[in-house]
Each structure stands twice: as C-alpha cells, then as structure tokens.
PDB file of N, CA and C in Angstrom:
ATOM      1  N   UNK A   1     168.338  96.563 133.265  1.00  0.00           N
ATOM      2  CA  UNK A   1     169.376  97.140 134.090  1.00  0.00           C
ATOM      3  C   UNK A   1     168.887  97.312 135.521  1.00  0.00           C
ATOM      4  N   UNK A   2     167.630  97.657 135.676  1.00  0.00           N
ATOM      5  CA  UNK A   2     167.092  97.912 137.007  1.00  0.00           C
ATOM      6  C   UNK A   2     167.083  96.634 137.839  1.00  0.00           C
ATOM      7  N   UNK A   3     166.695  95.518 137.244  1.00  0.00           N
ATOM      8  CA  UNK A   3     166.602  94.248 137.970  1.00  0.00           C
ATOM      9  C   UNK A   3     167.973  93.799 138.463  1.00  0.00           C
ATOM     10  N   UNK A   4     169.007  94.091 137.721  1.00  0.00           N
ATOM     11  CA  UNK A   4     170.362  93.701 138.109  1.00  0.00           C
ATOM     12  C   UNK A   4     170.765  94.366 139.425  1.00  0.00           C
ATOM     13  N   UNK A   5     170.198  95.516 139.715  1.00  0.00           N
ATOM     14  CA  UNK A   5     170.559  96.257 140.926  1.00  0.00           C
ATOM     15  C   UNK A   5     169.985  95.641 142.198  1.00  0.00           C
ATOM     16  N   UNK A   6     169.102  94.679 142.075  1.00  0.00           N
ATOM     17  CA  UNK A   6     168.485  94.081 143.252  1.00  0.00           C
ATOM     18  C   UNK A   6     169.476  93.318 144.122  1.00  0.00           C
ATOM     19  N   UNK A   7     170.597  92.880 143.554  1.00  0.00           N
ATOM     20  CA  UNK A   7     171.598  92.167 144.354  1.00  0.00           C
ATOM     21  C   UNK A   7     172.630  93.111 144.965  1.00  0.00           C
ATOM     22  N   UNK A   8     172.460  94.388 144.780  1.00  0.00           N
ATOM     23  CA  UNK A   8     173.367  95.403 145.309  1.00  0.00           C
ATOM     24  C   UNK A   8     173.144  95.559 146.815  1.00  0.00           C
ATOM     25  N   UNK A   9     174.163  95.981 147.556  1.00  0.00           N
ATOM     26  CA  UNK A   9     173.964  96.217 148.989  1.00  0.00           C
ATOM     27  C   UNK A   9     172.938  97.315 149.292  1.00  0.00           C
ATOM     28  N   UNK A  10     172.743  98.240 148.377  1.00  0.00           N
ATOM     29  CA  UNK A  10     171.757  99.310 148.550  1.00  0.00           C
ATOM     30  C   UNK A  10     170.801  99.332 147.352  1.00  0.00           C
ATOM     31  N   UNK A  11     169.989  98.266 147.203  1.00  0.00           N
ATOM     32  CA  UNK A  11     169.177  98.119 145.990  1.00  0.00           C
ATOM     33  C   UNK A  11     168.098  99.177 145.822  1.00  0.00           C
ATOM     34  N   UNK A  12     167.490  99.631 146.900  1.00  0.00           N
ATOM     35  CA  UNK A  12     166.404 100.609 146.752  1.00  0.00           C
ATOM     36  C   UNK A  12     166.886 101.896 146.098  1.00  0.00           C
ATOM     37  N   UNK A  13     168.055 102.330 146.487  1.00  0.00           N
ATOM     38  CA  UNK A  13     168.594 103.562 145.901  1.00  0.00           C
ATOM     39  C   UNK A  13     168.873 103.383 144.419  1.00  0.00           C
ATOM     40  N   UNK A  14     169.580 102.326 144.053  1.00  0.00           N
ATOM     41  CA  UNK A  14     169.972 102.138 142.659  1.00  0.00           C
ATOM     42  C   UNK A  14     168.796 101.780 141.765  1.00  0.00           C
ATOM     43  N   UNK A  15     167.827 101.034 142.285  1.00  0.00           N
ATOM     44  CA  UNK A  15     166.611 100.763 141.513  1.00  0.00           C
ATOM     45  C   UNK A  15     165.852 102.071 141.284  1.00  0.00           C
ATOM     46  N   UNK A  16     165.840 102.944 142.287  1.00  0.00           N
ATOM     47  CA  UNK A  16     165.191 104.253 142.130  1.00  0.00           C
ATOM     48  C   UNK A  16     165.892 105.096 141.071  1.00  0.00           C
ATOM     49  N   UNK A  17     167.215 105.102 141.106  1.00  0.00           N
ATOM     50  CA  UNK A  17     167.978 105.894 140.133  1.00  0.00           C
ATOM     51  C   UNK A  17     167.699 105.407 138.718  1.00  0.00           C
ATOM     52  N   UNK A  18     167.991 104.140 138.471  1.00  0.00           N
ATOM     53  CA  UNK A  18     167.866 103.631 137.108  1.00  0.00           C
ATOM     54  C   UNK A  18     166.409 103.476 136.676  1.00  0.00           C
ATOM     55  N   UNK A  19     165.528 103.171 137.614  1.00  0.00           N
ATOM     56  CA  UNK A  19     164.111 103.049 137.280  1.00  0.00           C
ATOM     57  C   UNK A  19     163.508 104.375 136.860  1.00  0.00           C
ATOM     58  N   UNK A  20     163.796 105.407 137.629  1.00  0.00           N
ATOM     59  CA  UNK A  20     163.245 106.727 137.272  1.00  0.00           C
ATOM     60  C   UNK A  20     163.824 107.217 135.946  1.00  0.00           C
ATOM     61  N   UNK A  21     165.090 106.951 135.734  1.00  0.00           N
ATOM     62  CA  UNK A  21     165.723 107.384 134.476  1.00  0.00           C
ATOM     63  C   UNK A  21     165.178 106.606 133.276  1.00  0.00           C
ATOM     64  N   UNK A  22     164.809 105.365 133.485  1.00  0.00           N
ATOM     65  CA  UNK A  22     164.211 104.579 132.398  1.00  0.00           C
ATOM     66  C   UNK A  22     162.800 105.076 132.084  1.00  0.00           C
ATOM     67  N   UNK A  23     162.121 105.595 133.089  1.00  0.00           N
ATOM     68  CA  UNK A  23     160.765 106.090 132.877  1.00  0.00           C
ATOM     69  C   UNK A  23     160.713 107.426 132.134  1.00  0.00           C
ATOM     70  N   UNK A  24     161.799 108.186 132.183  1.00  0.00           N
ATOM     71  CA  UNK A  24     161.804 109.502 131.529  1.00  0.00           C
ATOM     72  C   UNK A  24     161.453 109.394 130.041  1.00  0.00           C
ATOM     73  N   UNK A  25     162.160 108.593 129.245  1.00  0.00           N
ATOM     74  CA  UNK A  25     161.770 108.506 127.830  1.00  0.00           C
ATOM     75  C   UNK A  25     160.461 107.739 127.618  1.00  0.00           C
ATOM     76  N   UNK A  26     160.167 106.772 128.499  1.00  0.00           N
ATOM     77  CA  UNK A  26     158.931 105.995 128.350  1.00  0.00           C
ATOM     78  C   UNK A  26     157.709 106.894 128.512  1.00  0.00           C
ATOM     79  N   UNK A  27     157.743 107.761 129.496  1.00  0.00           N
ATOM     80  CA  UNK A  27     156.615 108.672 129.716  1.00  0.00           C
ATOM     81  C   UNK A  27     156.545 109.714 128.602  1.00  0.00           C
ATOM     82  N   UNK A  28     157.687 110.155 128.120  1.00  0.00           N
ATOM     83  CA  UNK A  28     157.686 111.107 127.004  1.00  0.00           C
ATOM     84  C   UNK A  28     157.085 110.466 125.751  1.00  0.00           C
ATOM     85  N   UNK A  29     157.349 109.190 125.559  1.00  0.00           N
ATOM     86  CA  UNK A  29     156.788 108.470 124.419  1.00  0.00           C
ATOM     87  C   UNK A  29     155.260 108.463 124.482  1.00  0.00           C
ATOM     88  N   UNK A  30     154.721 108.431 125.683  1.00  0.00           N
ATOM     89  CA  UNK A  30     153.271 108.441 125.866  1.00  0.00           C
ATOM     90  C   UNK A  30     152.681 109.852 125.841  1.00  0.00           C
ATOM     91  N   UNK A  31     153.530 110.836 125.547  1.00  0.00           N
ATOM     92  CA  UNK A  31     153.136 112.244 125.468  1.00  0.00           C
ATOM     93  C   UNK A  31     152.575 112.780 126.789  1.00  0.00           C
ATOM     94  N   UNK A  32     153.199 112.352 127.873  1.00  0.00           N
ATOM     95  CA  UNK A  32     152.840 112.837 129.208  1.00  0.00           C
ATOM     96  C   UNK A  32     153.965 113.756 129.663  1.00  0.00           C
ATOM     97  N   UNK A  33     153.628 114.825 130.340  1.00  0.00           N
ATOM     98  CA  UNK A  33     154.645 115.751 130.835  1.00  0.00           C
ATOM     99  C   UNK A  33     155.580 115.015 131.791  1.00  0.00           C
ATOM    100  N   UNK A  34     156.838 114.926 131.407  1.00  0.00           N
ATOM    101  CA  UNK A  34     157.793 114.200 132.228  1.00  0.00           C
ATOM    102  C   UNK A  34     158.793 115.112 132.941  1.00  0.00           C
ATOM    103  N   UNK A  35     158.554 116.400 132.944  1.00  0.00           N
ATOM    104  CA  UNK A  35     159.486 117.339 133.592  1.00  0.00           C
ATOM    105  C   UNK A  35     159.713 117.014 135.067  1.00  0.00           C
ATOM    106  N   UNK A  36     158.661 116.788 135.873  1.00  0.00           N
ATOM    107  CA  UNK A  36     158.918 116.470 137.289  1.00  0.00           C
ATOM    108  C   UNK A  36     159.763 115.207 137.463  1.00  0.00           C
ATOM    109  N   UNK A  37     159.459 114.176 136.670  1.00  0.00           N
ATOM    110  CA  UNK A  37     160.233 112.941 136.746  1.00  0.00           C
ATOM    111  C   UNK A  37     161.667 113.179 136.288  1.00  0.00           C
ATOM    112  N   UNK A  38     161.837 113.987 135.258  1.00  0.00           N
ATOM    113  CA  UNK A  38     163.174 114.316 134.783  1.00  0.00           C
ATOM    114  C   UNK A  38     163.990 114.974 135.894  1.00  0.00           C
ATOM    115  N   UNK A  39     163.398 115.929 136.593  1.00  0.00           N
ATOM    116  CA  UNK A  39     164.136 116.619 137.655  1.00  0.00           C
ATOM    117  C   UNK A  39     164.430 115.692 138.833  1.00  0.00           C
ATOM    118  N   UNK A  40     163.506 114.812 139.156  1.00  0.00           N
ATOM    119  CA  UNK A  40     163.760 113.825 140.212  1.00  0.00           C
ATOM    120  C   UNK A  40     164.917 112.925 139.798  1.00  0.00           C
ATOM    121  N   UNK A  41     164.905 112.463 138.555  1.00  0.00           N
ATOM    122  CA  UNK A  41     165.976 111.610 138.042  1.00  0.00           C
ATOM    123  C   UNK A  41     167.311 112.344 138.022  1.00  0.00           C
ATOM    124  N   UNK A  42     167.257 113.610 137.665  1.00  0.00           N
ATOM    125  CA  UNK A  42     168.464 114.440 137.657  1.00  0.00           C
ATOM    126  C   UNK A  42     169.081 114.512 139.053  1.00  0.00           C
ATOM    127  N   UNK A  43     168.252 114.744 140.050  1.00  0.00           N
ATOM    128  CA  UNK A  43     168.737 114.820 141.434  1.00  0.00           C
ATOM    129  C   UNK A  43     169.280 113.471 141.894  1.00  0.00           C
ATOM    130  N   UNK A  44     168.566 112.388 141.581  1.00  0.00           N
ATOM    131  CA  UNK A  44     169.032 111.055 141.969  1.00  0.00           C
ATOM    132  C   UNK A  44     170.381 110.727 141.319  1.00  0.00           C
ATOM    133  N   UNK A  45     170.543 111.088 140.056  1.00  0.00           N
ATOM    134  CA  UNK A  45     171.825 110.855 139.382  1.00  0.00           C
ATOM    135  C   UNK A  45     172.940 111.680 140.023  1.00  0.00           C
ATOM    136  N   UNK A  46     172.638 112.919 140.353  1.00  0.00           N
ATOM    137  CA  UNK A  46     173.642 113.772 141.000  1.00  0.00           C
ATOM    138  C   UNK A  46     174.052 113.199 142.346  1.00  0.00           C
ATOM    139  N   UNK A  47     173.097 112.694 143.103  1.00  0.00           N
ATOM    140  CA  UNK A  47     173.416 112.060 144.390  1.00  0.00           C
ATOM    141  C   UNK A  47     174.264 110.812 144.161  1.00  0.00           C
ATOM    142  N   UNK A  48     173.885 109.996 143.180  1.00  0.00           N
ATOM    143  CA  UNK A  48     174.639 108.772 142.883  1.00  0.00           C
ATOM    144  C   UNK A  48     176.068 109.095 142.469  1.00  0.00           C
ATOM    145  N   UNK A  49     176.232 110.121 141.664  1.00  0.00           N
ATOM    146  CA  UNK A  49     177.574 110.513 141.231  1.00  0.00           C
ATOM    147  C   UNK A  49     178.393 110.987 142.420  1.00  0.00           C
ATOM    148  N   UNK A  50     177.792 111.783 143.284  1.00  0.00           N
ATOM    149  CA  UNK A  50     178.547 112.298 144.436  1.00  0.00           C
ATOM    150  C   UNK A  50     178.874 111.191 145.437  1.00  0.00           C
ATOM    151  N   UNK A  51     177.971 110.230 145.616  1.00  0.00           N
ATOM    152  CA  UNK A  51     178.216 109.129 146.545  1.00  0.00           C
ATOM    153  C   UNK A  51     179.343 108.227 146.049  1.00  0.00           C
ATOM    154  N   UNK A  52     179.404 107.988 144.766  1.00  0.00           N
ATOM    155  CA  UNK A  52     180.385 107.058 144.218  1.00  0.00           C
ATOM    156  C   UNK A  52     181.659 107.734 143.710  1.00  0.00           C
ATOM    157  N   UNK A  53     181.728 109.041 143.812  1.00  0.00           N
ATOM    158  CA  UNK A  53     182.894 109.778 143.299  1.00  0.00           C
ATOM    159  C   UNK A  53     184.189 109.371 143.995  1.00  0.00           C
ATOM    160  N   UNK A  54     184.136 109.146 145.293  1.00  0.00           N
ATOM    161  CA  UNK A  54     185.338 108.766 146.042  1.00  0.00           C
ATOM    162  C   UNK A  54     185.955 107.477 145.530  1.00  0.00           C
ATOM    163  N   UNK A  55     185.114 106.494 145.230  1.00  0.00           N
ATOM    164  CA  UNK A  55     185.614 105.229 144.697  1.00  0.00           C
ATOM    165  C   UNK A  55     186.204 105.392 143.315  1.00  0.00           C
ATOM    166  N   UNK A  56     185.577 106.235 142.495  1.00  0.00           N
ATOM    167  CA  UNK A  56     186.109 106.485 141.149  1.00  0.00           C
ATOM    168  C   UNK A  56     187.449 107.197 141.235  1.00  0.00           C
ATOM    169  N   UNK A  57     187.561 108.092 142.178  1.00  0.00           N
ATOM    170  CA  UNK A  57     188.834 108.795 142.384  1.00  0.00           C
ATOM    171  C   UNK A  57     189.913 107.823 142.863  1.00  0.00           C
ATOM    172  N   UNK A  58     189.537 106.921 143.753  1.00  0.00           N
ATOM    173  CA  UNK A  58     190.475 105.899 144.244  1.00  0.00           C
ATOM    174  C   UNK A  58     190.934 105.000 143.095  1.00  0.00           C
ATOM    175  N   UNK A  59     190.028 104.680 142.191  1.00  0.00           N
ATOM    176  CA  UNK A  59     190.368 103.810 141.060  1.00  0.00           C
ATOM    177  C   UNK A  59     191.440 104.433 140.174  1.00  0.00           C
ATOM    178  N   UNK A  60     191.502 105.741 140.101  1.00  0.00           N
ATOM    179  CA  UNK A  60     192.516 106.382 139.262  1.00  0.00           C
ATOM    180  C   UNK A  60     193.927 106.033 139.734  1.00  0.00           C
ATOM    181  N   UNK A  61     194.078 105.701 141.008  1.00  0.00           N
ATOM    182  CA  UNK A  61     195.392 105.288 141.522  1.00  0.00           C
ATOM    183  C   UNK A  61     195.750 103.870 141.117  1.00  0.00           C
ATOM    184  N   UNK A  62     194.746 103.058 140.767  1.00  0.00           N
ATOM    185  CA  UNK A  62     194.961 101.651 140.423  1.00  0.00           C
ATOM    186  C   UNK A  62     194.653 101.364 138.961  1.00  0.00           C
ATOM    187  N   UNK A  63     194.444 102.412 138.198  1.00  0.00           N
ATOM    188  CA  UNK A  63     193.994 102.283 136.808  1.00  0.00           C
ATOM    189  C   UNK A  63     194.918 101.397 135.981  1.00  0.00           C
ATOM    190  N   UNK A  64     196.214 101.559 136.124  1.00  0.00           N
ATOM    191  CA  UNK A  64     197.159 100.807 135.287  1.00  0.00           C
ATOM    192  C   UNK A  64     197.309  99.354 135.742  1.00  0.00           C
ATOM    193  N   UNK A  65     196.933  99.044 136.971  1.00  0.00           N
ATOM    194  CA  UNK A  65     197.112  97.684 137.493  1.00  0.00           C
ATOM    195  C   UNK A  65     195.863  96.825 137.380  1.00  0.00           C
ATOM    196  N   UNK A  66     194.685  97.461 137.419  1.00  0.00           N
ATOM    197  CA  UNK A  66     193.450  96.693 137.494  1.00  0.00           C
ATOM    198  C   UNK A  66     192.419  97.188 136.491  1.00  0.00           C
ATOM    199  N   UNK A  67     191.705  96.222 135.947  1.00  0.00           N
ATOM    200  CA  UNK A  67     190.619  96.546 135.025  1.00  0.00           C
ATOM    201  C   UNK A  67     189.342  96.805 135.816  1.00  0.00           C
ATOM    202  N   UNK A  68     188.534  97.688 135.317  1.00  0.00           N
ATOM    203  CA  UNK A  68     187.248  97.975 135.961  1.00  0.00           C
ATOM    204  C   UNK A  68     186.326  96.753 135.887  1.00  0.00           C
ATOM    205  N   UNK A  69     186.655  95.799 135.027  1.00  0.00           N
ATOM    206  CA  UNK A  69     185.846  94.597 134.843  1.00  0.00           C
ATOM    207  C   UNK A  69     186.217  93.470 135.796  1.00  0.00           C
ATOM    208  N   UNK A  70     187.207  93.698 136.656  1.00  0.00           N
ATOM    209  CA  UNK A  70     187.619  92.667 137.611  1.00  0.00           C
ATOM    210  C   UNK A  70     186.478  92.354 138.569  1.00  0.00           C
ATOM    211  N   UNK A  71     186.530  91.178 139.156  1.00  0.00           N
ATOM    212  CA  UNK A  71     185.550  90.786 140.150  1.00  0.00           C
ATOM    213  C   UNK A  71     185.724  91.654 141.383  1.00  0.00           C
ATOM    214  N   UNK A  72     184.606  92.097 141.929  1.00  0.00           N
ATOM    215  CA  UNK A  72     184.657  92.938 143.107  1.00  0.00           C
ATOM    216  C   UNK A  72     185.027  92.101 144.324  1.00  0.00           C
ATOM    217  N   UNK A  73     185.795  92.685 145.211  1.00  0.00           N
ATOM    218  CA  UNK A  73     186.124  92.035 146.473  1.00  0.00           C
ATOM    219  C   UNK A  73     186.011  93.064 147.588  1.00  0.00           C
ATOM    220  N   UNK A  74     186.029  92.581 148.805  1.00  0.00           N
ATOM    221  CA  UNK A  74     185.914  93.473 149.961  1.00  0.00           C
ATOM    222  C   UNK A  74     187.104  94.428 150.041  1.00  0.00           C
ATOM    223  N   UNK A  75     188.228  94.046 149.447  1.00  0.00           N
ATOM    224  CA  UNK A  75     189.429  94.890 149.466  1.00  0.00           C
ATOM    225  C   UNK A  75     189.420  95.948 148.373  1.00  0.00           C
ATOM    226  N   UNK A  76     188.550  95.766 147.393  1.00  0.00           N
ATOM    227  CA  UNK A  76     188.550  96.657 146.230  1.00  0.00           C
ATOM    228  C   UNK A  76     187.141  97.203 145.974  1.00  0.00           C
ATOM    229  N   UNK A  77     186.556  97.808 146.963  1.00  0.00           N
ATOM    230  CA  UNK A  77     185.211  98.373 146.807  1.00  0.00           C
ATOM    231  C   UNK A  77     185.181  99.497 145.786  1.00  0.00           C
ATOM    232  N   UNK A  78     186.337 100.096 145.534  1.00  0.00           N
ATOM    233  CA  UNK A  78     186.399 101.193 144.573  1.00  0.00           C
ATOM    234  C   UNK A  78     186.041 100.735 143.162  1.00  0.00           C
ATOM    235  N   UNK A  79     186.189  99.442 142.866  1.00  0.00           N
ATOM    236  CA  UNK A  79     185.805  98.951 141.540  1.00  0.00           C
ATOM    237  C   UNK A  79     184.291  99.092 141.337  1.00  0.00           C
ATOM    238  N   UNK A  80     183.520  98.664 142.336  1.00  0.00           N
ATOM    239  CA  UNK A  80     182.070  98.783 142.248  1.00  0.00           C
ATOM    240  C   UNK A  80     181.643 100.244 142.257  1.00  0.00           C
ATOM    241  N   UNK A  81     182.285 101.049 143.071  1.00  0.00           N
ATOM    242  CA  UNK A  81     181.936 102.466 143.120  1.00  0.00           C
ATOM    243  C   UNK A  81     182.262 103.163 141.804  1.00  0.00           C
ATOM    244  N   UNK A  82     183.318 102.732 141.145  1.00  0.00           N
ATOM    245  CA  UNK A  82     183.662 103.300 139.839  1.00  0.00           C
ATOM    246  C   UNK A  82     182.612 102.926 138.807  1.00  0.00           C
ATOM    247  N   UNK A  83     182.168 101.683 138.833  1.00  0.00           N
ATOM    248  CA  UNK A  83     181.096 101.264 137.925  1.00  0.00           C
ATOM    249  C   UNK A  83     179.818 102.058 138.192  1.00  0.00           C
ATOM    250  N   UNK A  84     179.505 102.242 139.473  1.00  0.00           N
ATOM    251  CA  UNK A  84     178.316 103.013 139.831  1.00  0.00           C
ATOM    252  C   UNK A  84     178.451 104.464 139.376  1.00  0.00           C
ATOM    253  N   UNK A  85     179.630 105.031 139.537  1.00  0.00           N
ATOM    254  CA  UNK A  85     179.885 106.412 139.118  1.00  0.00           C
ATOM    255  C   UNK A  85     179.638 106.576 137.626  1.00  0.00           C
ATOM    256  N   UNK A  86     180.241 105.715 136.826  1.00  0.00           N
ATOM    257  CA  UNK A  86     180.081 105.833 135.370  1.00  0.00           C
ATOM    258  C   UNK A  86     178.662 105.478 134.920  1.00  0.00           C
ATOM    259  N   UNK A  87     178.015 104.531 135.595  1.00  0.00           N
ATOM    260  CA  UNK A  87     176.630 104.221 135.269  1.00  0.00           C
ATOM    261  C   UNK A  87     175.722 105.415 135.499  1.00  0.00           C
ATOM    262  N   UNK A  88     175.911 106.082 136.634  1.00  0.00           N
ATOM    263  CA  UNK A  88     175.099 107.265 136.943  1.00  0.00           C
ATOM    264  C   UNK A  88     175.439 108.416 136.002  1.00  0.00           C
ATOM    265  N   UNK A  89     176.699 108.570 135.665  1.00  0.00           N
ATOM    266  CA  UNK A  89     177.114 109.643 134.757  1.00  0.00           C
ATOM    267  C   UNK A  89     176.533 109.430 133.360  1.00  0.00           C
ATOM    268  N   UNK A  90     176.616 108.212 132.865  1.00  0.00           N
ATOM    269  CA  UNK A  90     176.066 107.902 131.542  1.00  0.00           C
ATOM    270  C   UNK A  90     174.549 108.111 131.543  1.00  0.00           C
ATOM    271  N   UNK A  91     173.902 107.650 132.600  1.00  0.00           N
ATOM    272  CA  UNK A  91     172.460 107.819 132.710  1.00  0.00           C
ATOM    273  C   UNK A  91     172.080 109.288 132.750  1.00  0.00           C
ATOM    274  N   UNK A  92     172.809 110.073 133.515  1.00  0.00           N
ATOM    275  CA  UNK A  92     172.565 111.515 133.590  1.00  0.00           C
ATOM    276  C   UNK A  92     172.717 112.167 132.221  1.00  0.00           C
ATOM    277  N   UNK A  93     173.752 111.804 131.494  1.00  0.00           N
ATOM    278  CA  UNK A  93     173.964 112.368 130.168  1.00  0.00           C
ATOM    279  C   UNK A  93     172.842 111.969 129.205  1.00  0.00           C
ATOM    280  N   UNK A  94     172.430 110.714 129.263  1.00  0.00           N
ATOM    281  CA  UNK A  94     171.383 110.247 128.347  1.00  0.00           C
ATOM    282  C   UNK A  94     170.049 110.923 128.597  1.00  0.00           C
ATOM    283  N   UNK A  95     169.637 111.041 129.865  1.00  0.00           N
ATOM    284  CA  UNK A  95     168.345 111.681 130.106  1.00  0.00           C
ATOM    285  C   UNK A  95     168.418 113.181 129.813  1.00  0.00           C
ATOM    286  N   UNK A  96     169.594 113.774 129.997  1.00  0.00           N
ATOM    287  CA  UNK A  96     169.747 115.198 129.682  1.00  0.00           C
ATOM    288  C   UNK A  96     169.672 115.434 128.181  1.00  0.00           C
ATOM    289  N   UNK A  97     170.351 114.594 127.405  1.00  0.00           N
ATOM    290  CA  UNK A  97     170.294 114.713 125.943  1.00  0.00           C
ATOM    291  C   UNK A  97     168.869 114.450 125.465  1.00  0.00           C
ATOM    292  N   UNK A  98     168.221 113.448 126.032  1.00  0.00           N
ATOM    293  CA  UNK A  98     166.837 113.153 125.662  1.00  0.00           C
ATOM    294  C   UNK A  98     165.938 114.351 125.922  1.00  0.00           C
ATOM    295  N   UNK A  99     166.086 114.954 127.094  1.00  0.00           N
ATOM    296  CA  UNK A  99     165.245 116.095 127.446  1.00  0.00           C
ATOM    297  C   UNK A  99     165.544 117.296 126.538  1.00  0.00           C
ATOM    298  N   UNK A 100     166.808 117.469 126.186  1.00  0.00           N
ATOM    299  CA  UNK A 100     167.194 118.560 125.285  1.00  0.00           C
ATOM    300  C   UNK A 100     166.547 118.369 123.916  1.00  0.00           C
ATOM    301  N   UNK A 101     166.628 117.161 123.386  1.00  0.00           N
ATOM    302  CA  UNK A 101     166.026 116.866 122.080  1.00  0.00           C
ATOM    303  C   UNK A 101     164.515 117.050 122.146  1.00  0.00           C
ATOM    304  N   UNK A 102     163.914 116.592 123.228  1.00  0.00           N
ATOM    305  CA  UNK A 102     162.481 116.734 123.401  1.00  0.00           C
ATOM    306  C   UNK A 102     162.067 118.209 123.450  1.00  0.00           C
ATOM    307  N   UNK A 103     162.846 119.023 124.139  1.00  0.00           N
ATOM    308  CA  UNK A 103     162.515 120.456 124.217  1.00  0.00           C
ATOM    309  C   UNK A 103     162.665 121.131 122.865  1.00  0.00           C
ATOM    310  N   UNK A 104     163.646 120.712 122.065  1.00  0.00           N
ATOM    311  CA  UNK A 104     163.821 121.273 120.718  1.00  0.00           C
ATOM    312  C   UNK A 104     162.640 120.875 119.827  1.00  0.00           C
ATOM    313  N   UNK A 105     162.157 119.654 119.970  1.00  0.00           N
ATOM    314  CA  UNK A 105     161.027 119.198 119.163  1.00  0.00           C
ATOM    315  C   UNK A 105     159.750 119.930 119.544  1.00  0.00           C
ATOM    316  N   UNK A 106     159.611 120.231 120.818  1.00  0.00           N
ATOM    317  CA  UNK A 106     158.398 120.914 121.287  1.00  0.00           C
ATOM    318  C   UNK A 106     158.355 122.386 120.896  1.00  0.00           C
ATOM    319  N   UNK A 107     159.496 122.974 120.573  1.00  0.00           N
ATOM    320  CA  UNK A 107     159.514 124.381 120.173  1.00  0.00           C
ATOM    321  C   UNK A 107     159.177 124.563 118.699  1.00  0.00           C
ATOM    322  N   UNK A 108     159.165 123.481 117.953  1.00  0.00           N
ATOM    323  CA  UNK A 108     158.864 123.556 116.511  1.00  0.00           C
ATOM    324  C   UNK A 108     157.399 123.699 116.257  1.00  0.00           C
TER     325      UNK A 108
END
C-alpha cells in the first residue's frame, strides 16, 4: 500500500502515514515498545482525515451519481480525497484496535 502512494501529488505525507501505521504491528511483533510510533501514527492519521474531510464531504453531494471507484480527474478531486479520507480512517481504526488488543494482552 505504501509503494502505491509514490505516484500521489503529495507522496511523502501519504508514505509517512501508511508507512508508520504499517510499522505499528510489525514492531509490536518484535516485542519492541511501539507506543511512540503508535502516537505518531495516530497524529498522522488525524491530520490525513482532517485534510481530506472536505473532499469526502463534497462527495456526499455526488454520491448517487458517481462511484468512488471512478477514474480521478481534475474536475473531480473530491473522489481522490474521499479515498484518502476512508483510507486514513480505516488505518486509524486498525492501529487503534491493534493497540487496544495489545494493551489487553499485556495486562494479563
């Protein structure tokens, strides 16, 4: 997923978001404290969600006419922003659930 972001207009940001989020479970698997990375990933996801929220909101006006899977064009930037919004939201939920499960396991 991270490599796919290299063709994005802002690749450094999106590679940072998805790369850090991919490292959260990988580092936990190695039994290394991943709390700092988790919080960095959390902040990056929150920024990504807030940056792309406007496009996702715009898409709600075109929801019945256009699929989110349509090809992106310069006239419909909200399609890409909607994909980015949901990608960041899903990533945020996954790393949060992972961290929650990890904290429950560590309390046993």
